[in-house]
Protein backbone atom coordinates (compact mmCIF):
# COMPACT_ATOMS: atom_id res chain seq x y z
CA MET A 1 47.87 -84.21 -11.42
CA ILE A 2 46.87 -83.32 -7.87
CA ARG A 3 46.86 -79.60 -8.73
CA LEU A 4 44.83 -80.28 -11.85
CA ALA A 5 42.30 -82.29 -9.86
CA ILE A 6 42.03 -79.47 -7.32
CA LEU A 7 41.43 -76.99 -10.16
CA PHE A 8 38.53 -78.99 -11.57
CA ILE A 9 37.06 -79.39 -8.09
CA PHE A 10 37.29 -75.61 -7.60
CA ILE A 11 35.71 -74.83 -10.97
CA ALA A 12 32.84 -77.15 -10.15
CA GLY A 13 32.57 -75.86 -6.60
CA ILE A 14 32.06 -72.20 -7.45
CA GLY A 15 28.76 -73.14 -9.04
CA MET A 16 27.37 -75.39 -6.31
CA SER A 17 25.11 -72.66 -4.99
CA GLN A 18 23.48 -72.02 -8.37
CA ASP A 19 22.14 -74.02 -11.25
CA ARG A 20 24.39 -73.78 -14.25
CA ARG A 21 24.74 -75.39 -17.61
CA PRO A 22 27.80 -77.61 -17.90
CA SER A 23 30.50 -76.10 -20.10
CA HIS A 24 30.64 -77.71 -23.51
CA CYS A 25 34.10 -76.20 -23.92
CA ILE A 26 35.72 -77.91 -20.94
CA ALA A 27 33.99 -81.21 -21.64
CA VAL A 28 35.93 -83.66 -23.77
CA ALA A 29 34.64 -83.16 -27.30
CA GLU A 30 35.70 -83.48 -30.90
CA ASN A 31 35.77 -80.47 -33.17
CA THR A 32 33.31 -80.43 -36.04
CA PRO A 33 35.23 -78.84 -38.91
CA GLY A 34 33.32 -77.67 -41.91
CA ILE A 35 34.33 -76.43 -45.31
CA THR A 36 34.15 -72.68 -44.98
CA TYR A 37 32.88 -69.87 -42.79
CA VAL A 38 29.97 -67.56 -43.37
CA LYS A 39 29.77 -63.78 -43.25
CA LYS A 40 26.36 -62.32 -43.84
CA ALA A 41 25.29 -59.92 -41.14
CA ALA A 42 26.43 -56.58 -39.77
CA TYR A 43 25.94 -55.90 -36.09
CA GLU A 44 22.61 -54.15 -36.73
CA ASP A 45 21.20 -57.25 -38.45
CA SER A 46 19.86 -60.42 -36.90
CA VAL A 47 22.40 -63.23 -36.62
CA PRO A 48 21.51 -66.48 -38.41
CA ASP A 49 20.36 -69.36 -36.21
CA GLY A 50 23.20 -71.43 -34.80
CA SER A 51 25.72 -68.70 -35.56
CA VAL A 52 27.60 -65.91 -33.82
CA LEU A 53 28.71 -62.52 -35.11
CA ILE A 54 32.11 -61.14 -34.14
CA HIS A 55 32.84 -57.47 -34.92
CA TYR A 56 36.33 -56.06 -34.35
CA ILE A 57 35.78 -52.61 -32.83
CA ALA A 58 39.29 -51.42 -31.96
CA HIS A 59 42.54 -52.44 -30.22
CA ALA A 60 41.30 -55.41 -28.13
CA SER A 61 37.58 -54.68 -28.17
CA PHE A 62 35.19 -57.02 -29.99
CA LEU A 63 31.43 -57.15 -30.12
CA ILE A 64 30.07 -60.69 -29.90
CA ILE A 65 26.39 -61.28 -30.72
CA ALA A 66 24.57 -64.60 -30.31
CA ASP A 67 21.74 -65.70 -32.59
CA ASP A 68 19.15 -64.70 -29.96
CA GLY A 69 20.56 -61.16 -29.83
CA THR A 70 22.53 -61.58 -26.59
CA SER A 71 25.62 -59.40 -26.84
CA ALA A 72 28.94 -58.78 -25.12
CA ILE A 73 31.90 -56.46 -25.68
CA THR A 74 35.44 -57.43 -24.71
CA ASP A 75 38.05 -55.14 -23.14
CA TYR A 76 35.46 -52.39 -22.95
CA THR A 77 36.89 -48.85 -22.73
CA GLY A 78 33.66 -46.87 -22.55
CA PHE A 79 33.66 -45.84 -26.20
CA ILE A 80 32.55 -48.14 -29.02
CA GLY A 81 31.64 -45.64 -31.72
CA ASN A 82 28.85 -43.35 -32.87
CA THR A 83 26.01 -45.48 -31.56
CA ASP A 84 23.74 -45.83 -28.57
CA PHE A 85 24.05 -49.61 -28.66
CA VAL A 86 24.06 -51.12 -25.15
CA PRO A 87 25.43 -54.66 -24.82
CA ASP A 88 24.14 -57.16 -22.27
CA ALA A 89 27.62 -57.56 -20.79
CA VAL A 90 31.12 -56.14 -21.04
CA THR A 91 34.43 -57.59 -19.91
CA MET A 92 37.48 -55.54 -18.90
CA ASN A 93 41.16 -55.96 -18.04
CA HIS A 94 43.27 -53.29 -16.38
CA ALA A 95 46.81 -53.82 -17.64
CA HIS A 96 46.37 -50.50 -19.45
CA GLU A 97 43.66 -47.87 -19.67
CA THR A 98 42.94 -48.95 -23.26
CA HIS A 99 41.39 -52.17 -21.91
CA TRP A 100 38.97 -50.89 -19.26
CA THR A 101 37.11 -47.89 -17.91
CA ALA A 102 36.27 -46.80 -14.41
CA PHE A 103 33.02 -45.32 -15.72
CA PRO A 104 31.12 -47.91 -17.76
CA ASP A 105 27.72 -46.99 -19.13
CA PRO A 106 25.33 -47.53 -16.19
CA ALA A 107 22.77 -48.98 -18.64
CA ILE A 108 24.97 -52.06 -19.17
CA PRO A 109 23.45 -54.87 -17.06
CA HIS A 110 26.67 -56.84 -16.44
CA VAL A 111 30.18 -55.40 -16.07
CA LEU A 112 32.80 -58.11 -15.52
CA HIS A 113 36.22 -57.12 -14.22
CA GLY A 114 39.10 -59.41 -15.05
CA TRP A 115 40.82 -58.61 -11.75
CA GLY A 116 39.84 -58.89 -8.09
CA GLU A 117 38.79 -56.09 -5.76
CA ASN A 118 42.14 -56.21 -3.93
CA PHE A 119 45.65 -56.38 -5.41
CA GLY A 120 46.47 -59.95 -6.44
CA GLU A 121 42.97 -61.23 -5.74
CA GLU A 122 41.29 -63.55 -8.24
CA ALA A 123 38.09 -62.62 -10.02
CA TRP A 124 35.84 -65.50 -11.02
CA HIS A 125 32.81 -65.11 -13.28
CA TYR A 126 30.25 -67.51 -14.67
CA LEU A 127 27.47 -65.46 -16.23
CA ASP A 128 24.66 -67.35 -17.96
CA LEU A 129 22.71 -64.99 -20.23
CA GLY A 130 20.66 -67.70 -21.89
CA GLY A 131 22.03 -67.31 -25.40
CA MET A 132 25.58 -66.93 -24.12
CA VAL A 133 27.68 -68.03 -21.15
CA ILE A 134 30.67 -65.88 -20.14
CA ARG A 135 33.38 -67.24 -17.87
CA ASN A 136 37.00 -66.38 -17.12
CA ILE A 137 40.39 -67.74 -16.16
CA PRO A 138 42.60 -65.33 -14.14
CA THR A 139 46.21 -64.76 -15.24
CA ASP A 140 49.07 -62.59 -14.00
CA ILE A 141 50.24 -59.30 -15.52
CA ARG A 142 53.37 -57.17 -15.40
CA SER A 143 53.41 -53.55 -14.35
CA ARG A 144 53.71 -50.89 -17.04
CA PHE A 145 57.48 -50.65 -16.58
CA PHE A 146 58.03 -54.41 -16.05
CA THR A 147 59.14 -53.82 -12.45
CA GLU A 148 56.64 -56.06 -10.69
CA THR A 149 54.00 -58.69 -11.27
CA GLU A 150 50.37 -58.38 -10.29
CA PRO A 151 49.01 -61.87 -9.66
CA ASN A 152 45.57 -62.45 -11.20
CA GLY A 153 45.47 -58.95 -12.71
CA ASN A 154 44.18 -60.09 -16.09
CA SER A 155 41.61 -62.62 -17.26
CA ILE A 156 41.13 -64.74 -20.31
CA PHE A 157 37.40 -64.58 -21.00
CA VAL A 158 35.53 -67.38 -22.74
CA PHE A 159 32.20 -66.85 -24.50
CA GLU A 160 30.14 -69.98 -25.09
CA THR A 161 27.39 -69.60 -27.67
CA ALA A 162 25.95 -71.51 -30.64
CA GLY A 163 28.03 -74.52 -29.60
CA LEU A 164 31.21 -72.48 -30.10
CA CYS A 165 33.88 -71.72 -27.52
CA ILE A 166 35.30 -68.24 -28.16
CA GLY A 167 38.35 -67.20 -26.17
CA HIS A 168 39.67 -63.65 -25.74
CA LEU A 169 43.21 -63.77 -24.35
CA GLY A 170 43.10 -60.21 -23.06
CA HIS A 171 46.38 -58.55 -22.11
CA LEU A 172 48.15 -61.88 -21.64
CA HIS A 173 51.67 -61.56 -20.21
CA HIS A 174 52.69 -65.20 -19.75
CA GLU A 175 51.97 -68.56 -21.29
CA PRO A 176 49.05 -70.20 -19.47
CA THR A 177 49.91 -72.92 -17.01
CA SER A 178 48.74 -76.50 -17.51
CA GLU A 179 45.90 -75.79 -15.10
CA GLN A 180 44.88 -72.68 -17.01
CA TYR A 181 44.94 -74.50 -20.33
CA ALA A 182 42.73 -77.19 -18.78
CA ALA A 183 40.30 -74.57 -17.46
CA LEU A 184 40.11 -72.98 -20.91
CA GLY A 185 39.11 -76.26 -22.51
CA ARG A 186 38.36 -76.33 -26.22
CA VAL A 187 38.75 -72.95 -27.92
CA ASP A 188 37.24 -72.89 -31.42
CA VAL A 189 37.86 -69.19 -31.98
CA VAL A 190 40.54 -67.14 -30.25
CA MET A 191 41.33 -63.43 -30.24
CA ALA A 192 45.06 -63.11 -29.67
CA ALA A 193 47.27 -60.06 -29.05
CA VAL A 194 50.11 -60.05 -31.58
CA ASP A 195 51.92 -56.81 -30.69
CA GLY A 196 55.09 -58.79 -29.99
CA GLY A 197 56.11 -57.31 -26.65
CA MET A 198 53.56 -55.29 -24.71
CA THR A 199 51.74 -58.57 -24.10
CA LEU A 200 53.61 -61.73 -25.13
CA ASP A 201 56.60 -61.90 -27.45
CA LEU A 202 55.62 -63.38 -30.79
CA PRO A 203 57.34 -66.79 -30.39
CA THR A 204 55.49 -67.37 -27.10
CA MET A 205 52.16 -66.22 -28.50
CA MET A 206 52.65 -68.50 -31.50
CA ARG A 207 53.31 -71.39 -29.13
CA VAL A 208 50.12 -70.61 -27.21
CA ILE A 209 48.06 -70.50 -30.40
CA ARG A 210 49.51 -73.76 -31.69
CA ARG A 211 48.69 -75.45 -28.41
CA LEU A 212 45.12 -74.15 -28.40
CA ARG A 213 44.59 -75.56 -31.91
CA SER A 214 41.74 -73.17 -32.58
CA SER A 215 39.95 -73.37 -35.91
CA VAL A 216 39.90 -69.58 -36.19
CA VAL A 217 42.47 -67.10 -34.88
CA ILE A 218 41.64 -63.39 -35.00
CA PRO A 219 44.68 -61.15 -34.42
CA MET A 220 44.21 -58.08 -32.25
CA HIS A 221 46.33 -55.53 -30.40
CA TRP A 222 48.71 -55.02 -33.30
CA PHE A 223 50.40 -51.73 -34.05
CA GLY A 224 51.03 -51.39 -37.76
CA ASP A 225 51.21 -53.96 -40.52
CA GLY A 226 54.88 -54.70 -39.84
CA THR A 227 54.21 -56.41 -36.52
CA LEU A 228 51.10 -58.09 -37.89
CA ASP A 229 52.93 -59.43 -40.96
CA ARG A 230 55.70 -60.94 -38.81
CA PHE A 231 53.04 -62.87 -36.91
CA LEU A 232 51.27 -63.98 -40.09
CA PHE A 233 54.55 -65.09 -41.67
CA GLY A 234 55.48 -67.09 -38.58
CA MET A 235 52.14 -68.91 -38.55
CA ALA A 236 51.69 -69.45 -42.31
CA GLU A 237 53.01 -73.02 -42.27
CA ASP A 238 50.35 -74.19 -39.80
CA PHE A 239 47.44 -71.85 -40.56
CA ALA A 240 45.75 -70.56 -43.65
CA VAL A 241 45.87 -66.76 -43.71
CA VAL A 242 42.68 -65.01 -44.83
CA ARG A 243 42.90 -61.25 -45.24
CA GLU A 244 39.42 -59.79 -44.94
CA ASN A 245 38.41 -56.27 -45.88
CA GLU A 246 35.60 -56.49 -43.35
CA SER A 247 35.42 -55.63 -39.66
CA HIS A 248 33.08 -58.51 -38.84
CA ILE A 249 32.48 -62.16 -39.49
CA VAL A 250 29.68 -64.64 -38.83
CA LEU A 251 30.72 -68.12 -37.71
CA SER A 252 28.97 -71.35 -36.83
CA LEU A 253 30.17 -74.70 -35.51
CA GLU A 254 29.20 -76.44 -38.72
CA THR A 255 31.00 -73.98 -40.98
CA LEU A 256 34.34 -73.59 -39.24
CA PRO A 257 37.16 -73.76 -41.77
CA ALA A 258 38.47 -77.24 -42.54
CA ARG A 259 42.04 -75.97 -42.14
CA PRO A 260 42.86 -73.84 -39.07
CA SER A 261 42.81 -70.24 -40.26
CA ILE A 262 43.96 -66.82 -39.21
CA ILE A 263 41.18 -64.41 -40.15
CA LEU A 264 42.42 -60.84 -40.37
CA LEU A 265 39.66 -58.36 -39.59
CA ARG A 266 40.06 -54.60 -39.87
CA PRO A 267 38.87 -52.68 -36.78
CA SER A 268 35.92 -50.35 -37.17
CA TRP A 269 33.95 -48.35 -34.63
CA LEU A 270 30.26 -49.20 -34.40
CA GLN A 271 28.13 -46.77 -36.37
CA GLU A 272 24.40 -46.11 -36.48
């Protein structure tokens, strides 16, 4: 309890020097389940009021667009497709080169690293873009050959928009601690790596997802339908499984599925 209290004091303290909106994800709140979800717009279109568009680009990269046009790309690698689209912000993790780039497009206003400047150093972000707030929770990662641990080398990023709390688990290598779960708060939508080993083994990832109790789970970082199907089979008792033929979905707080659902999107590069 003492550690948890210290964590909340720290989270509050990093914003003392600036005005910031209180997080509606960390605050105690009830979910507002609806009946179904909506899917109307592609990334080139305007997003309906009170909604957010999520487009699965590739691997662990997603484009998130708020209803005012504010945009962010997760685990940005420098290539998003045949387009000159420039997001307002990108987030990156450096467990592998497929989750970051040393040469982001200089036109991007905000580039958020999920790791600190020095080995083992925490990175903390709280970026308020008006239509979207982006914040992070540092986690540890293993080295490529599992020989050592880099403390705070990864981040779970949370995107708060349209009343929704959208979590991207990044290249997660361990189950979050109680303090990290508390810092995450409510997670309505979560992007979770389900490769079964490069990040978390499937039983541990399933345990994380069940604890988060998200209304929508979007699998990512899967290599072939075999691995993906093992994850879907393991979660089928607790979650509805919806296999989409689309790369994107539009969600709102009011239209979250009544039963927690795994929404399978197919990755697609952004195209003009």
